[in-house]
Amino acid sequence: MTDHNPEFERPEERVPKRVIGTPAAATEPALLGEDKPAAPAVVAGVKPQDPRIVKKGERLAALCFTITFLAGIGFIASYVIFQVGDLDGTAASNLALGGTLTLALLGLALGMVVWARMVLPKYSVIQERHVMASDRETRRDVAEKFVQGVEESGFVKRKLLRRTLLAAVAPLGLAPVVLLRDLGPLPETKLRHTVWGEKTKEGKPLRLLVEGTGQPIRAADFNTPGGLLSVVPEGYEHDLTVLAKATVILINLRPEEIKSGTNKNWTHNGIVAYSKICTHVGCPAALYEQNTHNILCPCHQSTFDATDGAKVVFGPAARPLPQLPIDVDAEGYLIATGDFPVPVGPSFWERGDAEAEYRQKGGQV
């Protein structure tokens, strides 16, 4: 008789671990040598999709995800291929990066939508709602606590406290009404013009003063190409209402760099003046890149070409920065020879103008 040794027992069959994403192993042997798919479990409120629709949805979603993959590769390749050394390169880079990123995000979104609409089952969900009211005892207890709190606070008995409290909060209730004053009146035609078209008391054109210091500018002192100054009208250095629409940037360009979009008759020895108010939403467009001659608004990245009439080369702005006509006086100081030819600032500033004209015409278009 031999001893019982566990090592000589027949080892159990080793079953490989299930890989995520694969179906579970069958628990019953197939009959007649054929595998039969198990019937899907019936769940109340769940309606499986038609297998043909599921198959079609799977293919469409896979196509969208493939497009997203290719667009993502294209985005990375565009970043490497398209450089931004000049305006044309910058425009090509922005177009390639924006196009491929849009295609990638759109493909991913469409794929997820198709997956949810055509592959996932439909659910009929019933939300249970219960009575929200408290029971009678709880409500009675709350009412008693409230009355007790009022009595203990002395709000009813202490007339002096009650009256002074009501008097204290009354102005706070009127505060929102006072703040509504900032919503009007409409500016009418005030935003159409700036003070640059006015004259001094002596009848002379307004000089351009350096913002902050208030010093006038000699053209001979501002003769370095690539320089930029923020200037304000003479006599209005501290009038914030005027400066909100009349602040200007001066840029010194080489005369040969100025293109046809710039009115050369409004420049002086390559010095050109543009409105500092961005035509998108009115932020100060005061960043300047000397290599590309681009004026940049830091709020939403609207970019303007200083050599070509400050036309828009990138960003959400819809129109160029208005150019201010400038010249020099007898003493060599830079002056404004007139107002901007078009309204400054964003287009929505002109709504007051349109409504004013509408009223002047008797409400008729």
Protein backbone atom coordinates (compact mmCIF):
# COMPACT_ATOMS: atom_id res chain seq x y z
CA MET A 1 0.00 0.00 0.00
CA THR A 2 1.46 3.28 -1.10
CA ASP A 3 1.28 6.56 0.74
CA HIS A 4 -1.03 9.22 -0.58
CA ASN A 5 1.11 11.95 -2.14
CA PRO A 6 -0.65 15.16 -3.39
CA GLU A 7 2.16 15.81 -5.83
CA PHE A 8 1.16 12.73 -7.85
CA GLU A 9 -2.44 13.84 -8.16
CA ARG A 10 -3.64 14.95 -11.55
CA PRO A 11 -3.19 18.73 -11.73
CA GLU A 12 -6.17 20.86 -12.59
CA GLU A 13 -6.34 22.16 -16.10
CA ARG A 14 -4.89 25.63 -16.33
CA VAL A 15 -7.30 28.14 -17.85
CA PRO A 16 -5.81 31.33 -19.31
CA LYS A 17 -6.97 34.54 -17.76
CA ARG A 18 -9.72 36.39 -19.59
CA VAL A 19 -8.54 39.39 -21.60
CA ILE A 20 -10.53 42.58 -21.13
CA GLY A 21 -12.81 43.13 -24.10
CA THR A 22 -13.27 39.42 -24.97
CA PRO A 23 -16.45 37.42 -24.26
CA ALA A 24 -16.58 35.19 -21.22
CA ALA A 25 -15.88 31.48 -21.60
CA ALA A 26 -18.87 29.21 -22.17
CA THR A 27 -20.09 27.44 -19.05
CA GLU A 28 -21.92 24.65 -20.93
CA PRO A 29 -20.70 22.46 -23.77
CA ALA A 30 -22.10 23.19 -27.18
CA LEU A 31 -24.75 20.82 -28.45
CA LEU A 32 -24.12 18.88 -31.67
CA GLY A 33 -20.73 20.54 -32.01
CA GLU A 34 -22.22 24.02 -32.71
CA ASP A 35 -21.96 27.11 -30.52
CA LYS A 36 -25.24 28.91 -29.97
CA PRO A 37 -25.16 32.52 -28.75
CA ALA A 38 -26.79 33.03 -25.42
CA ALA A 39 -30.05 34.92 -25.54
CA PRO A 40 -29.66 38.48 -24.24
CA ALA A 41 -31.06 39.06 -20.81
CA VAL A 42 -34.37 40.89 -20.81
CA VAL A 43 -34.28 43.94 -18.56
CA ALA A 44 -37.38 45.96 -17.86
CA GLY A 45 -37.28 49.39 -19.47
CA VAL A 46 -34.33 48.52 -21.76
CA LYS A 47 -34.88 48.13 -25.51
CA PRO A 48 -31.89 46.73 -27.43
CA GLN A 49 -31.01 48.28 -30.77
CA ASP A 50 -31.67 46.54 -34.06
CA PRO A 51 -28.51 44.49 -34.86
CA ARG A 52 -28.36 46.03 -38.34
CA ILE A 53 -28.43 49.56 -36.88
CA VAL A 54 -25.79 48.56 -34.32
CA LYS A 55 -23.51 47.25 -37.04
CA LYS A 56 -23.95 50.41 -39.10
CA GLY A 57 -23.39 52.61 -36.07
CA GLU A 58 -20.24 50.70 -35.17
CA ARG A 59 -18.80 51.31 -38.62
CA LEU A 60 -19.72 55.00 -38.66
CA ALA A 61 -18.27 55.57 -35.19
CA ALA A 62 -15.09 53.72 -36.16
CA LEU A 63 -14.81 55.92 -39.28
CA CYS A 64 -15.18 59.07 -37.17
CA PHE A 65 -12.55 57.89 -34.71
CA THR A 66 -10.21 57.06 -37.60
CA ILE A 67 -10.67 60.59 -38.98
CA THR A 68 -9.90 61.96 -35.50
CA PHE A 69 -6.72 59.88 -35.37
CA LEU A 70 -5.54 61.08 -38.79
CA ALA A 71 -6.44 64.69 -37.98
CA GLY A 72 -4.50 64.47 -34.72
CA ILE A 73 -1.45 63.24 -36.61
CA GLY A 74 -2.00 66.07 -39.09
CA PHE A 75 -2.12 68.62 -36.26
CA ILE A 76 1.25 67.47 -34.93
CA ALA A 77 2.73 67.41 -38.45
CA SER A 78 1.38 70.91 -39.17
CA TYR A 79 3.03 72.24 -36.03
CA VAL A 80 6.36 70.91 -37.24
CA ILE A 81 6.03 71.74 -40.96
CA PHE A 82 4.49 75.22 -40.95
CA GLN A 83 6.72 77.84 -39.35
CA VAL A 84 5.71 81.39 -38.40
CA GLY A 85 8.61 83.50 -39.60
CA ASP A 86 6.46 85.85 -41.70
CA LEU A 87 2.84 86.81 -42.28
CA ASP A 88 2.23 84.18 -44.97
CA GLY A 89 3.78 81.45 -42.84
CA THR A 90 1.75 82.53 -39.83
CA ALA A 91 -1.47 82.47 -41.84
CA ALA A 92 -0.68 79.02 -43.26
CA SER A 93 0.22 77.69 -39.81
CA ASN A 94 -2.98 79.04 -38.24
CA LEU A 95 -5.07 77.56 -41.04
CA ALA A 96 -3.42 74.15 -40.83
CA LEU A 97 -3.48 73.93 -37.03
CA GLY A 98 -7.02 75.25 -36.73
CA GLY A 99 -8.33 73.02 -39.53
CA THR A 100 -6.80 69.79 -38.27
CA LEU A 101 -7.77 70.46 -34.64
CA THR A 102 -11.34 71.27 -35.68
CA LEU A 103 -11.54 68.09 -37.75
CA ALA A 104 -10.15 66.01 -34.87
CA LEU A 105 -12.58 67.38 -32.29
CA LEU A 106 -15.51 67.18 -34.71
CA GLY A 107 -14.72 63.57 -35.60
CA LEU A 108 -14.44 62.61 -31.93
CA ALA A 109 -17.72 64.31 -31.07
CA LEU A 110 -19.58 62.76 -34.01
CA GLY A 111 -18.19 59.33 -33.17
CA MET A 112 -19.40 59.56 -29.59
CA VAL A 113 -22.84 60.76 -30.72
CA VAL A 114 -23.18 57.93 -33.24
CA TRP A 115 -22.08 55.43 -30.62
CA ALA A 116 -24.69 56.67 -28.14
CA ARG A 117 -27.52 56.95 -30.70
CA MET A 118 -27.00 53.78 -32.74
CA VAL A 119 -25.14 51.28 -30.55
CA LEU A 120 -26.26 51.77 -26.96
CA PRO A 121 -29.69 50.39 -26.00
CA LYS A 122 -32.64 52.67 -25.33
CA TYR A 123 -33.81 53.16 -21.77
CA SER A 124 -37.27 54.02 -20.51
CA VAL A 125 -36.67 55.57 -17.10
CA ILE A 126 -39.49 56.41 -14.71
CA GLN A 127 -38.63 58.89 -12.00
CA GLU A 128 -40.38 58.27 -8.74
CA ARG A 129 -41.74 61.36 -7.03
CA HIS A 130 -42.83 61.48 -3.46
CA VAL A 131 -44.80 63.96 -1.44
CA MET A 132 -42.46 66.74 -0.33
CA ALA A 133 -44.64 68.26 2.38
CA SER A 134 -43.68 67.63 5.99
CA ASP A 135 -46.11 66.00 8.35
CA ARG A 136 -48.50 68.07 10.46
CA GLU A 137 -46.52 67.73 13.70
CA THR A 138 -43.30 68.95 12.08
CA ARG A 139 -45.02 71.98 10.58
CA ARG A 140 -46.64 72.85 13.89
CA ASP A 141 -43.29 72.56 15.66
CA VAL A 142 -41.61 74.87 13.10
CA ALA A 143 -44.38 77.45 13.50
CA GLU A 144 -43.99 77.40 17.27
CA LYS A 145 -40.21 77.79 17.01
CA PHE A 146 -40.63 80.73 14.62
CA VAL A 147 -43.07 82.55 16.90
CA GLN A 148 -40.82 81.88 19.87
CA GLY A 149 -37.81 83.27 17.97
CA VAL A 150 -39.70 86.44 17.04
CA GLU A 151 -40.71 86.98 20.65
CA GLU A 152 -37.17 86.43 21.94
CA SER A 153 -35.64 88.77 19.33
CA GLY A 154 -37.74 91.68 20.52
CA PHE A 155 -38.59 92.68 16.94
CA VAL A 156 -42.22 93.28 17.90
CA LYS A 157 -41.74 94.74 21.37
CA ARG A 158 -38.65 96.89 20.69
CA LYS A 159 -40.02 99.57 18.41
CA LEU A 160 -36.77 101.54 18.32
CA LEU A 161 -34.78 98.55 17.07
CA ARG A 162 -37.46 97.66 14.51
CA ARG A 163 -37.75 101.14 13.08
CA THR A 164 -33.98 101.78 12.88
CA LEU A 165 -33.44 98.38 11.23
CA LEU A 166 -36.02 99.10 8.56
CA ALA A 167 -34.51 102.53 8.00
CA ALA A 168 -31.03 100.98 7.66
CA VAL A 169 -32.01 98.48 4.95
CA ALA A 170 -34.22 100.87 2.96
CA PRO A 171 -31.31 102.57 1.10
CA LEU A 172 -29.84 99.15 0.29
CA GLY A 173 -33.08 98.22 -1.41
CA LEU A 174 -32.91 101.37 -3.55
CA ALA A 175 -29.25 100.82 -4.51
CA PRO A 176 -30.04 98.59 -7.54
CA VAL A 177 -32.40 101.26 -8.87
CA VAL A 178 -29.62 103.85 -8.67
CA LEU A 179 -27.20 101.50 -10.45
CA LEU A 180 -29.60 101.20 -13.37
CA ARG A 181 -28.60 104.73 -14.29
CA ASP A 182 -25.38 103.32 -15.76
CA LEU A 183 -27.48 101.59 -18.44
CA GLY A 184 -28.39 104.89 -20.06
CA PRO A 185 -28.88 107.21 -21.66
CA LEU A 186 -27.79 106.08 -25.12
CA PRO A 187 -24.59 107.74 -26.38
CA GLU A 188 -26.39 108.73 -29.61
CA THR A 189 -23.68 110.29 -31.84
CA LYS A 190 -21.04 110.81 -29.14
CA LEU A 191 -19.12 107.68 -30.14
CA ARG A 192 -18.96 108.71 -33.78
CA HIS A 193 -16.36 111.43 -33.20
CA THR A 194 -13.40 112.11 -30.90
CA VAL A 195 -11.75 115.33 -29.73
CA TRP A 196 -8.96 114.99 -32.27
CA GLY A 197 -10.95 117.12 -34.67
CA GLU A 198 -11.17 120.02 -32.23
CA LYS A 199 -8.82 123.01 -31.80
CA THR A 200 -7.05 124.53 -28.82
CA LYS A 201 -8.14 127.86 -27.32
CA GLU A 202 -5.66 129.54 -29.66
CA GLY A 203 -7.29 127.85 -32.65
CA LYS A 204 -4.38 125.46 -33.25
CA PRO A 205 -4.61 121.70 -33.91
CA LEU A 206 -4.20 119.43 -30.90
CA ARG A 207 -0.71 118.13 -30.22
CA LEU A 208 0.04 114.49 -29.50
CA LEU A 209 1.19 114.04 -25.88
CA VAL A 210 2.92 111.00 -24.42
CA GLU A 211 0.45 109.07 -22.27
CA GLY A 212 1.43 109.29 -18.63
CA THR A 213 3.97 112.10 -18.85
CA GLY A 214 1.94 114.59 -20.92
CA GLN A 215 4.99 115.66 -22.93
CA PRO A 216 4.59 116.76 -26.56
CA ILE A 217 6.51 114.78 -29.18
CA ARG A 218 8.92 116.16 -31.73
CA ALA A 219 9.05 114.13 -34.91
CA ALA A 220 12.83 114.49 -34.92
CA ASP A 221 13.04 112.84 -31.50
CA PHE A 222 10.86 109.93 -32.56
CA ASN A 223 12.89 108.76 -35.52
CA THR A 224 13.91 105.19 -34.67
CA PRO A 225 12.15 102.60 -36.89
CA GLY A 226 10.24 100.06 -34.84
CA GLY A 227 9.46 102.46 -32.01
CA LEU A 228 5.99 102.68 -30.47
CA LEU A 229 4.37 105.32 -28.27
CA SER A 230 0.94 105.60 -26.67
CA VAL A 231 -0.32 109.18 -27.02
CA VAL A 232 -3.32 111.25 -25.92
CA PRO A 233 -4.82 114.57 -27.12
CA GLU A 234 -3.51 117.84 -25.74
CA GLY A 235 -5.67 119.26 -22.96
CA TYR A 236 -7.40 115.94 -22.20
CA GLU A 237 -4.58 114.06 -20.48
CA HIS A 238 -6.71 113.29 -17.39
CA ASP A 239 -10.20 113.09 -18.93
CA LEU A 240 -10.89 109.35 -18.76
CA THR A 241 -14.12 109.67 -20.73
CA VAL A 242 -12.27 111.26 -23.66
CA LEU A 243 -9.28 108.91 -23.42
CA ALA A 244 -11.58 105.87 -23.55
CA LYS A 245 -11.98 106.48 -27.30
CA ALA A 246 -9.24 108.97 -28.25
CA THR A 247 -6.06 107.17 -27.15
CA VAL A 248 -3.70 106.55 -30.08
CA ILE A 249 -0.57 104.51 -30.76
CA LEU A 250 2.30 105.97 -32.79
CA ILE A 251 4.50 103.58 -34.77
CA ASN A 252 7.67 104.57 -36.63
CA LEU A 253 8.05 102.63 -39.88
CA ARG A 254 10.52 102.86 -42.71
CA PRO A 255 8.80 104.73 -45.57
CA GLU A 256 9.49 101.88 -47.99
CA GLU A 257 7.64 99.43 -45.69
CA ILE A 258 4.34 101.32 -45.83
CA LYS A 259 1.82 99.59 -48.11
CA SER A 260 -1.14 100.86 -50.08
CA GLY A 261 -3.64 100.22 -47.30
CA THR A 262 -2.08 103.07 -45.28
CA ASN A 263 -2.93 106.65 -46.21
CA LYS A 264 0.56 108.06 -46.73
CA ASN A 265 -0.76 111.63 -46.71
CA TRP A 266 -1.65 111.09 -43.04
CA THR A 267 1.87 110.02 -42.05
CA HIS A 268 5.07 111.96 -41.41
CA ASN A 269 8.48 110.48 -42.27
CA GLY A 270 7.18 106.95 -41.69
CA ILE A 271 5.35 107.82 -38.44
CA VAL A 272 1.80 106.48 -38.55
CA ALA A 273 -0.96 106.82 -35.93
CA TYR A 274 -3.73 104.29 -35.27
CA SER A 275 -6.53 104.11 -32.74
CA LYS A 276 -5.52 102.12 -29.68
CA ILE A 277 -9.08 100.83 -29.20
CA CYS A 278 -9.46 97.33 -30.64
CA THR A 279 -12.34 97.01 -33.09
CA HIS A 280 -13.41 93.71 -31.54
CA VAL A 281 -14.62 94.57 -28.01
CA GLY A 282 -12.65 97.73 -27.20
CA CYS A 283 -9.56 96.39 -25.41
CA PRO A 284 -6.28 98.36 -25.75
CA ALA A 285 -4.34 97.05 -28.75
CA ALA A 286 -0.90 98.16 -27.62
CA LEU A 287 1.42 95.19 -28.18
CA TYR A 288 3.75 95.57 -31.18
CA GLU A 289 6.04 93.06 -32.88
CA GLN A 290 8.82 94.83 -34.78
CA ASN A 291 9.81 91.90 -37.01
CA THR A 292 6.33 91.37 -38.49
CA HIS A 293 4.98 94.90 -37.85
CA ASN A 294 1.93 93.37 -36.20
CA ILE A 295 -0.21 95.17 -33.63
CA LEU A 296 -1.69 92.67 -31.17
CA CYS A 297 -4.67 93.00 -28.87
CA PRO A 298 -3.94 90.87 -25.78
CA CYS A 299 -7.59 90.22 -24.92
CA HIS A 300 -8.58 87.96 -27.83
CA GLN A 301 -5.43 87.95 -30.01
CA SER A 302 -6.77 90.16 -32.81
CA THR A 303 -3.77 91.05 -34.98
CA PHE A 304 -3.41 94.08 -37.26
CA ASP A 305 -0.78 94.88 -39.93
CA ALA A 306 0.69 98.31 -39.10
CA THR A 307 2.24 98.67 -42.55
CA ASP A 308 -1.04 98.10 -44.42
CA GLY A 309 -3.58 100.40 -42.80
CA ALA A 310 -3.82 98.21 -39.65
CA LYS A 311 -5.95 95.68 -41.49
CA VAL A 312 -6.90 92.49 -39.66
CA VAL A 313 -4.59 89.54 -40.33
CA PHE A 314 -5.78 87.27 -37.51
CA GLY A 315 -8.37 87.08 -34.77
CA PRO A 316 -12.03 87.98 -34.25
CA ALA A 317 -11.79 91.70 -35.08
CA ALA A 318 -13.90 92.54 -38.13
CA ARG A 319 -12.33 95.80 -39.32
CA PRO A 320 -8.97 97.65 -39.24
CA LEU A 321 -7.87 100.09 -36.58
CA PRO A 322 -8.83 103.60 -37.81
CA GLN A 323 -5.88 105.77 -38.88
CA LEU A 324 -5.46 109.28 -37.45
CA PRO A 325 -4.19 111.98 -39.85
CA ILE A 326 -1.04 113.59 -38.41
CA ASP A 327 1.56 116.20 -39.33
CA VAL A 328 3.98 118.56 -37.58
CA ASP A 329 3.48 122.19 -36.53
CA ALA A 330 5.91 125.08 -36.98
CA GLU A 331 7.91 123.93 -33.95
CA GLY A 332 8.25 120.35 -35.18
CA TYR A 333 5.75 118.81 -32.76
CA LEU A 334 3.39 116.10 -33.97
CA ILE A 335 -0.22 117.28 -34.30
CA ALA A 336 -3.53 115.83 -35.45
CA THR A 337 -4.81 117.45 -38.63
CA GLY A 338 -8.31 116.05 -38.16
CA ASP A 339 -10.46 113.38 -36.55
CA PHE A 340 -10.59 109.70 -37.44
CA PRO A 341 -12.38 109.17 -40.76
CA VAL A 342 -14.52 106.37 -39.28
CA PRO A 343 -15.82 105.66 -35.75
CA VAL A 344 -13.28 104.03 -33.44
CA GLY A 345 -13.81 101.00 -31.25
CA PRO A 346 -16.00 97.91 -31.74
CA SER A 347 -18.92 97.96 -34.12
CA PHE A 348 -21.52 97.60 -31.37
CA TRP A 349 -20.55 101.10 -30.16
CA GLU A 350 -22.37 102.44 -33.22
CA ARG A 351 -25.77 101.10 -32.11
CA GLY A 352 -26.45 104.38 -30.34
CA ASP A 353 -25.75 106.20 -33.62
CA ALA A 354 -28.20 104.01 -35.51
CA GLU A 355 -30.97 104.48 -32.97
CA ALA A 356 -30.35 108.25 -32.86
CA GLU A 357 -30.68 108.48 -36.63
CA TYR A 358 -33.80 106.32 -36.44
CA ARG A 359 -35.42 108.75 -34.01
CA GLN A 360 -34.33 111.76 -36.07
CA LYS A 361 -36.12 110.27 -39.07
CA GLY A 362 -39.31 109.96 -37.08
CA GLY A 363 -38.97 106.24 -36.52
CA GLN A 364 -38.94 105.47 -40.25
CA VAL A 365 -36.30 103.49 -42.03
